[in-house]
Amino acid sequence: MKILDSYLINSEGVPAEVVIAQRDGEFINTYELTHFKIKPATQVVLGFLKEKIIEAVNIKTSEMLDPRESENIRRRFSERAHEIIKNEMSELVGGEEEMLVGRLLHEMLGLGELELLLADAHLEEVVVNSSHEPVFVYHKKFGWLKTNVFLQTEEQIQNYATMVGRKVGRQITTLNPLMDANLLSGNRVNATLFPISTKGNGITIRKFRGEPWTIVNLISPEINTLSSESAALLWMALQYELNVLVGGGTASGKTSFLNAILVFTPPNQRLISIEDTRELSLPDFLHWTPMSTRQPNPEGKGGVEMIDLMVNSLRMRPDRIVLGEIRRQREAEVLFEAMHTGHSVYSTLHADEALQVKSRLVSPPIQLPEEMLSALQLVVVQYRQRRTGIRRTYEIAEFLPEERGVAVNTVYRWDAREDKSVKTGEFIRLVNELTLHTGLTGTEIQAEIMEKKSVLDYMVAHKVDKVQSVGHVVARYYRDKQHVLDIVGKNKPPTELLEAATEAVAASEKRRFEDEKKGK
């Protein structure tokens, strides 16, 4: 056996060691989890403790179904569990009590042993294929790995899927054996039931960062997804309400990239997002209404599809509309109609290059008339290199209206050998539209892009990279650009930009706390 890596993780006070190894006779590297094991006698006692905790913590069904009550319920369970364990198992020493409480929380409110895998920041995917196979994980450094974790029964897998769905208003049954949902942490969950998945019941969990990727993260040297000049260009496009479509392959970072650039939305404009499962996470102060679809009940009633939300959103006076992903013709038609009626629109699409974006939009199943594509100004394509796992902005292109459709003008393309974005052309439509709608000359447009680049570089240098902080700097730029540029130009500490932001967040939290006390 050859050990490739090892490290420690911790979830709810339960520590564990991870060893990634290359074993003789195995065709795939292994992910071996070693943690505090409960003896059979202790397991019996824990069953008794669970019953006492349930009796002691009076939780209403409405609280269990309310995502906002999740932390409160967890805290109450933890407090009562500590009290009961101290009374019933006073002989425990050191961190044993904390570990037992953590295990109880995993089993009663979480996904059991899977919670330890979800606590590993190095993992991108956790996959359960059936109770007869080990859990598989996708590691950021080592790719797919086979773990030593098993779920004991098919019923347990279905129970976990049902529990996840119930918390976000989704359901999975033999009549509806497919489910897309999300954990309260934001991680996306897909579940399938036997016999649709012929090996057994399955769960796939796509992990997302607790703190969303920001544009500052993406342009930092450590991540290097795109250059600060390209990011400044997209900032200008978002500020002046150009329509943007983000393409890319599976797990290339399309949604993360879309989330990052949406922070450039001016706070005085209303933004409505429509998703199958909630993935976007934007600054609290934005005028943002997130909406998500709903599956029908077993009688086929009560379903809300993406097209329903899109048509309804047009009656909500939005300035900007975000669609999680374009999949079908009717969705695309409404989306492009929204562009033609003056709304700024942003979405994602599976495509590997800008030309393929055009091809997918005009081919089945979407099959839009090519003339409709003239409303789309910018296309950004994300790329993930499977060999190394890096993600890069592969292309930035514009759609140029022609007599019988659109042409694709690619301006930036990633050079794999140099690992940098190379300018391959000049913007034509972007400059023309900005000049037409803002009165800026080409020279002034370039100067403003450089201003924005300086602000982004400043945030990278000072590690202002949290979604709230980045959002507040952008909002301050819109409110008092010269003040922000003075701080950036003199390289003053970011506290001068963020102090007002901190006060605003504190005031917002205080108002929310007061509203909750009043029962609003």
Protein backbone atom coordinates (compact mmCIF):
# COMPACT_ATOMS: atom_id res chain seq x y z
CA MET A 1 0.00 0.00 0.00
CA LYS A 2 1.19 3.51 -0.86
CA ILE A 3 -0.20 6.43 1.16
CA LEU A 4 -0.86 9.41 -1.12
CA ASP A 5 -2.15 11.84 1.48
CA SER A 6 -3.61 12.03 4.99
CA TYR A 7 -5.32 14.74 7.02
CA LEU A 8 -7.86 15.33 9.80
CA ILE A 9 -11.47 16.50 9.52
CA ASN A 10 -14.10 17.32 12.13
CA SER A 11 -17.89 17.44 12.00
CA GLU A 12 -20.06 18.48 14.97
CA GLY A 13 -17.20 17.67 17.36
CA VAL A 14 -16.61 14.21 15.83
CA PRO A 15 -12.97 14.00 14.66
CA ALA A 16 -11.83 11.65 11.91
CA GLU A 17 -8.66 10.88 9.98
CA VAL A 18 -8.66 10.57 6.20
CA VAL A 19 -6.06 8.41 4.48
CA ILE A 20 -5.91 8.36 0.68
CA ALA A 21 -4.06 5.30 -0.49
CA GLN A 22 -3.06 3.30 -3.54
CA ARG A 23 -3.66 -0.34 -2.64
CA ASP A 24 -2.39 -3.41 -4.41
CA GLY A 25 -5.18 -5.22 -6.24
CA GLU A 26 -7.39 -2.10 -6.40
CA PHE A 27 -7.97 -0.34 -9.72
CA ILE A 28 -9.08 2.89 -8.07
CA ASN A 29 -7.42 4.76 -5.20
CA THR A 30 -9.13 4.53 -1.82
CA TYR A 31 -10.42 7.12 0.65
CA GLU A 32 -10.27 5.56 4.11
CA LEU A 33 -12.11 7.22 6.98
CA THR A 34 -11.09 6.36 10.53
CA HIS A 35 -13.14 7.82 13.34
CA PHE A 36 -14.54 7.25 16.80
CA LYS A 37 -16.41 3.94 16.73
CA ILE A 38 -19.31 3.29 19.07
CA LYS A 39 -19.31 -0.07 20.85
CA PRO A 40 -22.47 -2.22 20.53
CA ALA A 41 -23.36 -1.68 24.20
CA THR A 42 -22.99 2.09 23.80
CA GLN A 43 -25.10 1.94 20.64
CA VAL A 44 -27.96 0.45 22.68
CA VAL A 45 -27.62 3.26 25.22
CA LEU A 46 -27.64 5.83 22.40
CA GLY A 47 -30.96 4.42 21.19
CA PHE A 48 -32.36 5.04 24.67
CA LEU A 49 -30.84 8.55 24.71
CA LYS A 50 -32.44 9.40 21.36
CA GLU A 51 -35.88 8.68 22.78
CA LYS A 52 -35.22 10.84 25.85
CA ILE A 53 -33.94 13.73 23.71
CA ILE A 54 -37.00 13.56 21.44
CA GLU A 55 -39.24 13.66 24.50
CA ALA A 56 -37.30 16.55 26.02
CA VAL A 57 -37.13 18.74 22.90
CA ASN A 58 -40.61 19.75 21.85
CA ILE A 59 -40.40 20.52 18.15
CA LYS A 60 -43.39 21.40 16.03
CA THR A 61 -43.77 20.03 12.51
CA SER A 62 -43.81 23.59 11.17
CA GLU A 63 -40.36 24.15 12.72
CA MET A 64 -38.94 21.01 11.12
CA LEU A 65 -40.15 22.18 7.71
CA ASP A 66 -38.87 25.74 8.11
CA PRO A 67 -35.23 26.04 6.89
CA ARG A 68 -34.82 29.22 8.97
CA GLU A 69 -35.35 27.18 12.15
CA SER A 70 -32.61 24.66 11.34
CA GLU A 71 -29.87 26.20 13.48
CA ASN A 72 -32.27 26.80 16.37
CA ILE A 73 -33.41 23.16 16.34
CA ARG A 74 -29.81 21.93 16.18
CA ARG A 75 -28.86 24.11 19.15
CA ARG A 76 -31.79 22.86 21.24
CA PHE A 77 -30.98 19.23 20.42
CA SER A 78 -27.32 19.78 21.30
CA GLU A 79 -28.10 21.44 24.64
CA ARG A 80 -30.54 18.72 25.72
CA ALA A 81 -28.21 15.97 24.51
CA HIS A 82 -25.38 17.35 26.66
CA GLU A 83 -27.65 17.52 29.73
CA ILE A 84 -29.03 13.99 29.31
CA ILE A 85 -25.63 12.41 28.59
CA LYS A 86 -24.15 14.06 31.69
CA ASN A 87 -26.97 12.59 33.80
CA GLU A 88 -27.01 9.14 32.21
CA MET A 89 -23.31 8.62 31.38
CA SER A 90 -21.41 10.61 33.98
CA GLU A 91 -18.33 8.36 33.65
CA LEU A 92 -17.40 9.83 30.24
CA VAL A 93 -14.06 11.66 30.12
CA GLY A 94 -12.29 14.13 27.84
CA GLY A 95 -14.02 14.77 24.53
CA GLU A 96 -16.14 11.61 24.61
CA GLU A 97 -19.27 13.56 25.51
CA GLU A 98 -18.76 15.99 22.63
CA MET A 99 -18.22 13.11 20.21
CA LEU A 100 -21.36 11.31 21.38
CA VAL A 101 -23.44 14.47 21.03
CA GLY A 102 -21.99 14.95 17.54
CA ARG A 103 -22.90 11.38 16.57
CA LEU A 104 -26.43 11.88 17.88
CA LEU A 105 -26.80 15.05 15.81
CA HIS A 106 -25.50 13.20 12.73
CA GLU A 107 -27.99 10.38 13.18
CA MET A 108 -31.04 12.37 14.30
CA LEU A 109 -30.78 15.54 12.23
CA GLY A 110 -28.24 14.68 9.54
CA LEU A 111 -27.14 11.98 7.12
CA GLY A 112 -25.24 9.77 9.55
CA GLU A 113 -21.69 8.91 8.54
CA LEU A 114 -22.07 10.90 5.32
CA GLU A 115 -21.84 14.05 7.47
CA LEU A 116 -18.13 13.37 7.95
CA LEU A 117 -17.62 13.22 4.18
CA LEU A 118 -19.58 16.44 3.74
CA ALA A 119 -17.28 18.10 6.30
CA ASP A 120 -14.23 17.37 4.12
CA ALA A 121 -13.44 20.60 2.24
CA HIS A 122 -11.33 18.65 -0.28
CA LEU A 123 -14.35 16.81 -1.69
CA GLU A 124 -16.56 18.04 -4.53
CA GLU A 125 -18.97 15.11 -4.83
CA VAL A 126 -20.31 12.38 -2.53
CA VAL A 127 -22.07 9.50 -4.31
CA VAL A 128 -24.15 6.62 -2.96
CA ASN A 129 -24.90 4.03 -5.68
CA SER A 130 -26.62 1.44 -3.46
CA SER A 131 -26.27 -0.27 -0.09
CA HIS A 132 -24.22 -3.03 -1.75
CA GLU A 133 -21.38 -0.72 -2.80
CA PRO A 134 -19.11 1.63 -0.90
CA VAL A 135 -19.72 5.35 -1.09
CA PHE A 136 -17.63 7.06 -3.78
CA VAL A 137 -16.24 10.59 -3.54
CA TYR A 138 -14.68 13.03 -5.98
CA HIS A 139 -11.54 14.61 -4.49
CA LYS A 140 -10.26 17.96 -5.78
CA LYS A 141 -6.73 16.58 -6.03
CA PHE A 142 -7.12 12.84 -6.64
CA GLY A 143 -10.39 12.59 -8.59
CA TRP A 144 -12.76 9.66 -7.96
CA LEU A 145 -11.99 7.58 -4.88
CA LYS A 146 -13.65 4.54 -3.30
CA THR A 147 -14.34 4.96 0.41
CA ASN A 148 -14.69 2.48 3.25
CA VAL A 149 -18.12 3.96 4.11
CA PHE A 150 -21.27 1.90 3.47
CA LEU A 151 -24.94 2.67 4.02
CA GLN A 152 -26.46 -0.45 5.54
CA THR A 153 -29.83 -0.76 3.75
CA GLU A 154 -31.77 0.55 0.78
CA GLU A 155 -34.38 1.86 3.23
CA GLN A 156 -31.74 3.98 4.94
CA ILE A 157 -30.76 5.56 1.60
CA GLN A 158 -34.41 6.31 0.80
CA ASN A 159 -34.96 7.74 4.28
CA TYR A 160 -32.04 10.12 3.81
CA ALA A 161 -33.38 11.22 0.41
CA THR A 162 -36.88 11.73 1.83
CA MET A 163 -35.52 13.73 4.75
CA VAL A 164 -33.51 16.02 2.47
CA GLY A 165 -36.50 16.59 0.18
CA ARG A 166 -38.96 17.26 3.00
CA LYS A 167 -36.87 20.13 4.37
CA VAL A 168 -37.00 22.01 1.07
CA GLY A 169 -40.52 21.12 -0.02
CA ARG A 170 -39.61 18.26 -2.39
CA GLN A 171 -40.59 14.63 -2.36
CA ILE A 172 -39.35 11.30 -3.69
CA THR A 173 -41.67 8.29 -3.88
CA THR A 174 -42.14 5.18 -5.99
CA LEU A 175 -44.45 7.29 -8.19
CA ASN A 176 -41.89 10.13 -8.35
CA PRO A 177 -38.56 8.28 -8.15
CA LEU A 178 -36.36 11.22 -9.20
CA MET A 179 -35.59 14.26 -7.06
CA ASP A 180 -33.46 17.38 -7.28
CA ALA A 181 -33.11 19.20 -3.99
CA ASN A 182 -30.54 20.90 -1.82
CA LEU A 183 -29.25 20.62 1.73
CA LEU A 184 -29.67 23.63 4.00
CA SER A 185 -25.90 24.13 3.65
CA GLY A 186 -26.50 24.80 -0.06
CA ASN A 187 -25.09 21.50 -1.33
CA ARG A 188 -27.11 20.14 -4.26
CA VAL A 189 -28.71 16.70 -3.95
CA ASN A 190 -29.98 14.37 -6.66
CA ALA A 191 -31.71 11.16 -5.60
CA THR A 192 -33.05 8.17 -7.55
CA LEU A 193 -35.00 5.12 -6.38
CA PHE A 194 -34.93 1.47 -7.46
CA PRO A 195 -35.86 0.22 -10.06
CA ILE A 196 -35.15 3.47 -11.96
CA SER A 197 -31.56 3.11 -10.72
CA THR A 198 -31.21 -0.63 -11.22
CA LYS A 199 -28.44 -1.24 -8.67
CA GLY A 200 -30.48 0.27 -5.85
CA ASN A 201 -31.42 3.61 -4.36
CA GLY A 202 -28.89 6.34 -5.06
CA ILE A 203 -27.90 9.79 -3.81
CA THR A 204 -25.49 12.22 -5.46
CA ILE A 205 -24.42 15.27 -3.43
CA ARG A 206 -22.65 18.11 -5.23
CA LYS A 207 -20.78 20.10 -2.58
CA PHE A 208 -20.61 23.86 -2.65
CA ARG A 209 -18.46 26.16 -0.59
CA GLY A 210 -19.99 27.48 2.61
CA GLU A 211 -18.87 30.92 1.39
CA PRO A 212 -19.66 31.35 -2.34
CA TRP A 213 -16.87 31.97 -4.81
CA THR A 214 -16.54 35.68 -5.55
CA ILE A 215 -15.00 37.38 -8.54
CA VAL A 216 -12.05 38.26 -6.27
CA ASN A 217 -11.47 34.55 -5.56
CA LEU A 218 -11.62 33.75 -9.26
CA ILE A 219 -9.02 36.34 -10.31
CA SER A 220 -6.67 35.67 -7.35
CA PRO A 221 -3.32 34.04 -8.29
CA GLU A 222 -4.25 30.90 -6.32
CA ILE A 223 -7.35 30.22 -8.46
CA ASN A 224 -6.51 32.20 -11.63
CA THR A 225 -9.80 31.47 -13.41
CA LEU A 226 -9.73 34.74 -15.34
CA SER A 227 -7.74 37.98 -15.44
CA SER A 228 -8.75 41.12 -13.56
CA GLU A 229 -9.07 42.95 -16.90
CA SER A 230 -11.60 40.37 -18.15
CA ALA A 231 -13.46 40.63 -14.84
CA ALA A 232 -13.53 44.44 -15.14
CA LEU A 233 -14.97 44.10 -18.62
CA LEU A 234 -17.76 41.86 -17.29
CA TRP A 235 -18.36 44.33 -14.45
CA MET A 236 -18.93 47.03 -17.04
CA ALA A 237 -21.25 44.75 -19.01
CA LEU A 238 -23.32 44.01 -15.89
CA GLN A 239 -23.40 47.67 -14.83
CA TYR A 240 -24.77 48.79 -18.19
CA GLU A 241 -27.30 45.95 -18.44
CA LEU A 242 -25.88 43.84 -21.26
CA ASN A 243 -27.24 40.29 -21.53
CA VAL A 244 -24.76 37.55 -20.62
CA LEU A 245 -24.90 33.77 -21.11
CA VAL A 246 -22.39 31.53 -19.31
CA GLY A 247 -21.58 28.26 -21.10
CA GLY A 248 -19.41 25.33 -20.12
CA GLY A 249 -19.29 21.60 -19.53
CA THR A 250 -20.40 19.67 -16.46
CA ALA A 251 -18.73 20.89 -13.23
CA SER A 252 -16.87 23.63 -15.12
CA GLY A 253 -18.08 26.27 -12.67
CA LYS A 254 -20.88 27.88 -14.71
CA THR A 255 -23.18 28.59 -11.77
CA SER A 256 -20.32 29.70 -9.51
CA PHE A 257 -19.14 32.10 -12.22
CA LEU A 258 -22.66 33.43 -12.75
CA ASN A 259 -23.01 33.95 -8.99
CA ALA A 260 -19.70 35.82 -8.92
CA ILE A 261 -20.58 38.31 -11.66
CA LEU A 262 -24.12 38.93 -10.38
CA VAL A 263 -22.55 40.75 -7.42
CA PHE A 264 -21.96 43.58 -9.95
CA THR A 265 -25.73 44.23 -10.02
CA PRO A 266 -26.52 47.81 -8.90
CA PRO A 267 -28.43 47.73 -5.56
CA ASN A 268 -31.16 50.05 -6.87
CA GLN A 269 -32.36 47.48 -9.41
CA ARG A 270 -34.62 44.47 -8.81
CA LEU A 271 -33.19 41.07 -9.62
CA ILE A 272 -35.30 37.89 -9.84
CA SER A 273 -33.62 34.47 -10.05
CA ILE A 274 -35.32 31.25 -11.14
CA GLU A 275 -33.72 27.88 -10.39
CA ASP A 276 -34.69 24.22 -10.08
CA THR A 277 -32.74 24.04 -6.83
CA ARG A 278 -31.44 27.09 -5.01
CA GLU A 279 -27.71 27.57 -5.72
CA LEU A 280 -27.18 31.32 -6.07
CA SER A 281 -26.09 33.29 -3.01
CA LEU A 282 -25.89 37.08 -3.30
CA PRO A 283 -25.26 39.97 -0.87
CA ASP A 284 -28.10 40.56 1.59
CA PHE A 285 -28.62 44.18 0.61
CA LEU A 286 -29.40 43.51 -3.07
CA HIS A 287 -33.03 43.86 -4.16
CA TRP A 288 -33.17 40.14 -4.97
CA THR A 289 -36.12 37.73 -5.12
CA PRO A 290 -34.98 34.10 -5.50
CA MET A 291 -37.57 31.58 -6.73
CA SER A 292 -37.35 27.83 -7.31
CA THR A 293 -39.52 25.25 -9.03
CA ARG A 294 -41.69 22.67 -7.26
CA GLN A 295 -42.55 19.11 -8.19
CA PRO A 296 -46.22 18.05 -8.41
CA ASN A 297 -47.74 15.93 -5.66
CA PRO A 298 -48.55 12.21 -6.21
CA GLU A 299 -51.87 13.25 -7.82
CA GLY A 300 -49.97 15.35 -10.34
CA LYS A 301 -51.11 18.66 -8.85
CA GLY A 302 -49.28 21.65 -7.40
CA GLY A 303 -46.24 21.51 -9.68
CA VAL A 304 -44.54 24.81 -10.55
CA GLU A 305 -42.22 24.68 -13.55
CA MET A 306 -39.50 27.06 -14.62
CA ILE A 307 -41.62 28.43 -17.44
CA ASP A 308 -44.40 29.29 -14.93
CA LEU A 309 -41.95 31.26 -12.82
CA MET A 310 -40.47 33.01 -15.83
CA VAL A 311 -43.83 34.17 -17.14
CA ASN A 312 -44.83 35.26 -13.62
CA SER A 313 -41.53 37.10 -13.08
CA LEU A 314 -42.32 39.42 -15.99
CA ARG A 315 -45.28 40.70 -13.95
CA MET A 316 -43.03 41.47 -10.95
CA ARG A 317 -41.33 44.53 -12.50
CA PRO A 318 -37.85 43.01 -12.64
CA ASP A 319 -34.88 44.95 -13.96
CA ARG A 320 -32.86 41.76 -14.30
CA ILE A 321 -33.86 38.11 -14.66
CA VAL A 322 -31.59 35.16 -13.90
CA LEU A 323 -32.44 31.68 -15.17
CA GLY A 324 -30.45 28.86 -13.59
CA GLU A 325 -30.05 26.94 -16.85
CA ILE A 326 -31.62 26.96 -20.32
CA ARG A 327 -32.86 23.46 -21.14
CA ARG A 328 -36.02 23.64 -23.23
CA GLN A 329 -37.41 25.63 -26.11
CA ARG A 330 -40.25 27.34 -24.25
CA GLU A 331 -37.91 28.55 -21.48
CA ALA A 332 -35.47 29.92 -24.05
CA GLU A 333 -38.26 31.64 -25.98
CA VAL A 334 -39.54 33.45 -22.89
CA LEU A 335 -35.98 34.32 -21.83
CA PHE A 336 -35.08 35.86 -25.19
CA GLU A 337 -38.45 37.58 -25.35
CA ALA A 338 -37.56 39.18 -21.99
CA MET A 339 -34.31 40.41 -23.56
CA HIS A 340 -36.21 41.91 -26.48
CA THR A 341 -38.61 43.71 -24.11
CA GLY A 342 -35.79 45.52 -22.32
CA HIS A 343 -34.93 43.26 -19.38
CA SER A 344 -31.33 42.32 -18.62
CA VAL A 345 -31.06 38.54 -18.65
CA TYR A 346 -28.43 36.09 -17.40
CA SER A 347 -28.36 32.31 -17.62
CA THR A 348 -26.20 29.22 -18.11
CA LEU A 349 -26.05 26.58 -20.84
CA HIS A 350 -24.10 23.36 -21.38
CA ALA A 351 -21.68 24.13 -24.23
CA ASP A 352 -17.90 23.83 -24.63
CA GLU A 353 -17.23 26.94 -26.74
CA ALA A 354 -18.98 30.08 -27.95
CA LEU A 355 -19.78 28.60 -31.38
CA GLN A 356 -21.34 25.61 -29.64
CA VAL A 357 -23.50 27.99 -27.56
CA LYS A 358 -24.95 29.34 -30.81
CA SER A 359 -25.34 25.83 -32.22
CA ARG A 360 -27.18 24.55 -29.14
CA LEU A 361 -29.55 27.52 -29.09
CA VAL A 362 -30.62 27.04 -32.74
CA SER A 363 -30.68 23.21 -32.70
CA PRO A 364 -33.17 20.79 -31.06
CA PRO A 365 -34.36 20.61 -28.33
CA ILE A 366 -34.08 24.41 -27.87
CA GLN A 367 -34.30 25.31 -31.59
CA LEU A 368 -34.72 29.10 -31.47
CA PRO A 369 -34.88 31.11 -34.69
CA GLU A 370 -31.36 32.44 -35.16
CA GLU A 371 -32.71 35.98 -35.49
CA MET A 372 -33.73 35.88 -31.80
CA LEU A 373 -30.10 35.47 -30.73
CA SER A 374 -29.35 39.06 -31.70
CA ALA A 375 -30.63 40.13 -28.25
CA LEU A 376 -27.72 38.31 -26.56
CA GLN A 377 -24.62 40.46 -26.32
CA LEU A 378 -21.97 38.45 -24.42
CA VAL A 379 -21.10 34.78 -24.06
CA VAL A 380 -18.63 33.52 -21.44
CA VAL A 381 -17.46 29.88 -21.64
CA GLN A 382 -16.03 28.08 -18.64
CA TYR A 383 -13.67 25.12 -18.95
CA ARG A 384 -12.54 22.43 -16.56
CA GLN A 385 -9.39 20.48 -17.35
CA ARG A 386 -10.02 16.93 -16.13
CA ARG A 387 -6.34 16.04 -15.89
CA THR A 388 -5.48 18.71 -13.33
CA GLY A 389 -8.94 19.78 -12.12
CA ILE A 390 -8.30 23.48 -12.83
CA ARG A 391 -11.16 25.70 -14.03
CA ARG A 392 -10.59 28.53 -16.46
CA THR A 393 -12.61 31.07 -18.40
CA TYR A 394 -12.06 29.55 -21.83
CA GLU A 395 -13.65 32.19 -24.05
CA ILE A 396 -15.32 35.59 -23.91
CA ALA A 397 -17.21 36.35 -27.10
CA GLU A 398 -19.96 38.60 -28.43
CA PHE A 399 -22.85 37.85 -30.78
CA LEU A 400 -22.87 40.18 -33.79
CA PRO A 401 -26.28 40.62 -35.49
CA GLU A 402 -26.26 39.88 -39.20
CA GLU A 403 -28.93 39.95 -41.90
CA ARG A 404 -29.82 36.26 -41.36
CA GLY A 405 -28.78 35.60 -37.78
CA VAL A 406 -25.67 36.24 -35.70
CA ALA A 407 -21.93 35.82 -36.03
CA VAL A 408 -19.66 34.93 -33.12
CA ASN A 409 -16.76 37.29 -32.41
CA THR A 410 -14.36 35.69 -29.92
CA VAL A 411 -12.26 38.35 -28.16
CA TYR A 412 -10.53 36.41 -25.35
CA ARG A 413 -9.43 32.77 -25.38
CA TRP A 414 -7.50 30.75 -22.81
CA ASP A 415 -4.03 29.56 -23.90
CA ALA A 416 -3.48 26.15 -22.26
CA ARG A 417 0.31 26.16 -22.74
CA GLU A 418 0.80 29.58 -21.14
CA ASP A 419 -2.19 29.18 -18.78
CA LYS A 420 -3.42 32.67 -19.44
CA SER A 421 -6.17 34.46 -21.31
CA VAL A 422 -5.04 35.83 -24.68
CA LYS A 423 -6.79 38.61 -26.58
CA THR A 424 -7.66 37.28 -30.05
CA GLY A 425 -9.78 40.14 -31.37
CA GLU A 426 -11.49 43.43 -30.61
CA PHE A 427 -14.96 44.09 -29.27
CA ILE A 428 -17.26 45.61 -31.88
CA ARG A 429 -20.82 45.39 -30.60
CA LEU A 430 -19.86 45.96 -26.96
CA VAL A 431 -18.20 49.28 -27.75
CA ASN A 432 -20.97 50.35 -30.13
CA GLU A 433 -23.76 49.59 -27.63
CA LEU A 434 -21.99 51.20 -24.69
CA THR A 435 -21.30 54.29 -26.80
CA LEU A 436 -24.92 54.40 -27.96
CA HIS A 437 -26.49 53.96 -24.50
CA THR A 438 -23.99 55.78 -22.27
CA GLY A 439 -22.43 58.38 -24.58
CA LEU A 440 -18.94 57.15 -23.64
CA THR A 441 -16.23 57.15 -26.29
CA GLY A 442 -14.01 54.14 -26.92
CA THR A 443 -11.22 55.80 -24.94
CA GLU A 444 -13.56 56.54 -22.01
CA ILE A 445 -14.83 52.97 -22.03
CA GLN A 446 -11.28 51.64 -21.81
CA ALA A 447 -10.48 54.11 -19.01
CA GLU A 448 -13.51 52.95 -17.00
CA ILE A 449 -12.52 49.31 -17.47
CA MET A 450 -9.07 50.17 -16.09
CA GLU A 451 -10.69 51.93 -13.10
CA LYS A 452 -12.70 48.82 -12.32
CA LYS A 453 -9.61 46.66 -12.80
CA SER A 454 -7.77 48.77 -10.19
CA VAL A 455 -10.61 48.22 -7.69
CA LEU A 456 -10.57 44.46 -8.32
CA ASP A 457 -6.77 44.30 -8.00
CA TYR A 458 -7.04 46.24 -4.73
CA MET A 459 -9.55 43.74 -3.35
CA VAL A 460 -7.30 40.84 -4.38
CA ALA A 461 -4.28 42.46 -2.72
CA HIS A 462 -6.20 43.12 0.51
CA LYS A 463 -8.11 39.77 0.42
CA VAL A 464 -11.53 41.41 0.36
CA ASP A 465 -13.05 38.21 -1.00
CA LYS A 466 -16.27 37.45 0.90
CA VAL A 467 -19.54 37.85 -0.99
CA GLN A 468 -20.87 40.51 1.42
CA SER A 469 -17.61 42.49 1.42
CA VAL A 470 -17.17 42.40 -2.37
CA GLY A 471 -20.81 43.39 -2.78
CA HIS A 472 -20.41 46.36 -0.45
CA VAL A 473 -17.31 47.63 -2.26
CA VAL A 474 -19.15 47.41 -5.60
CA ALA A 475 -22.20 49.16 -4.11
CA ARG A 476 -19.99 51.92 -2.66
CA TYR A 477 -18.39 52.32 -6.10
CA TYR A 478 -21.82 52.94 -7.62
CA ARG A 479 -22.72 55.36 -4.81
CA ASP A 480 -19.48 57.32 -4.58
CA LYS A 481 -17.01 56.21 -7.22
CA GLN A 482 -14.44 58.92 -6.53
CA HIS A 483 -14.26 58.03 -2.82
CA VAL A 484 -13.58 54.38 -3.66
CA LEU A 485 -10.97 55.29 -6.29
CA ASP A 486 -9.22 57.62 -3.79
CA ILE A 487 -8.92 54.79 -1.24
CA VAL A 488 -7.71 52.40 -3.93
CA GLY A 489 -5.27 54.90 -5.42
CA LYS A 490 -3.73 55.70 -2.03
CA ASN A 491 -3.80 52.00 -1.05
CA LYS A 492 -5.56 52.75 2.23
CA PRO A 493 -6.74 49.84 4.39
CA PRO A 494 -10.07 48.31 3.28
CA THR A 495 -11.63 49.08 6.67
CA GLU A 496 -12.37 52.57 5.33
CA LEU A 497 -14.53 50.97 2.64
CA LEU A 498 -16.07 48.28 4.82
CA GLU A 499 -16.84 50.10 8.10
CA ALA A 500 -20.09 51.48 6.71
CA ALA A 501 -20.83 48.04 5.30
CA THR A 502 -20.37 46.44 8.71
CA GLU A 503 -22.71 48.97 10.29
CA ALA A 504 -25.32 48.33 7.59
CA VAL A 505 -25.13 44.56 8.10
CA ALA A 506 -25.44 44.98 11.87
CA ALA A 507 -28.50 47.20 11.41
CA SER A 508 -30.03 44.65 9.05
CA GLU A 509 -29.43 41.80 11.53
CA LYS A 510 -30.96 43.87 14.33
CA ARG A 511 -34.10 44.54 12.26
CA ARG A 512 -34.42 40.86 11.37
CA PHE A 513 -34.04 39.84 15.02
CA GLU A 514 -36.73 42.34 16.06
CA ASP A 515 -39.05 41.08 13.31
CA GLU A 516 -38.60 37.49 14.47
CA LYS A 517 -39.42 38.51 18.06
CA LYS A 518 -42.62 40.11 16.84
CA GLY A 519 -43.49 36.92 14.94
CA LYS A 520 -43.36 38.49 11.51
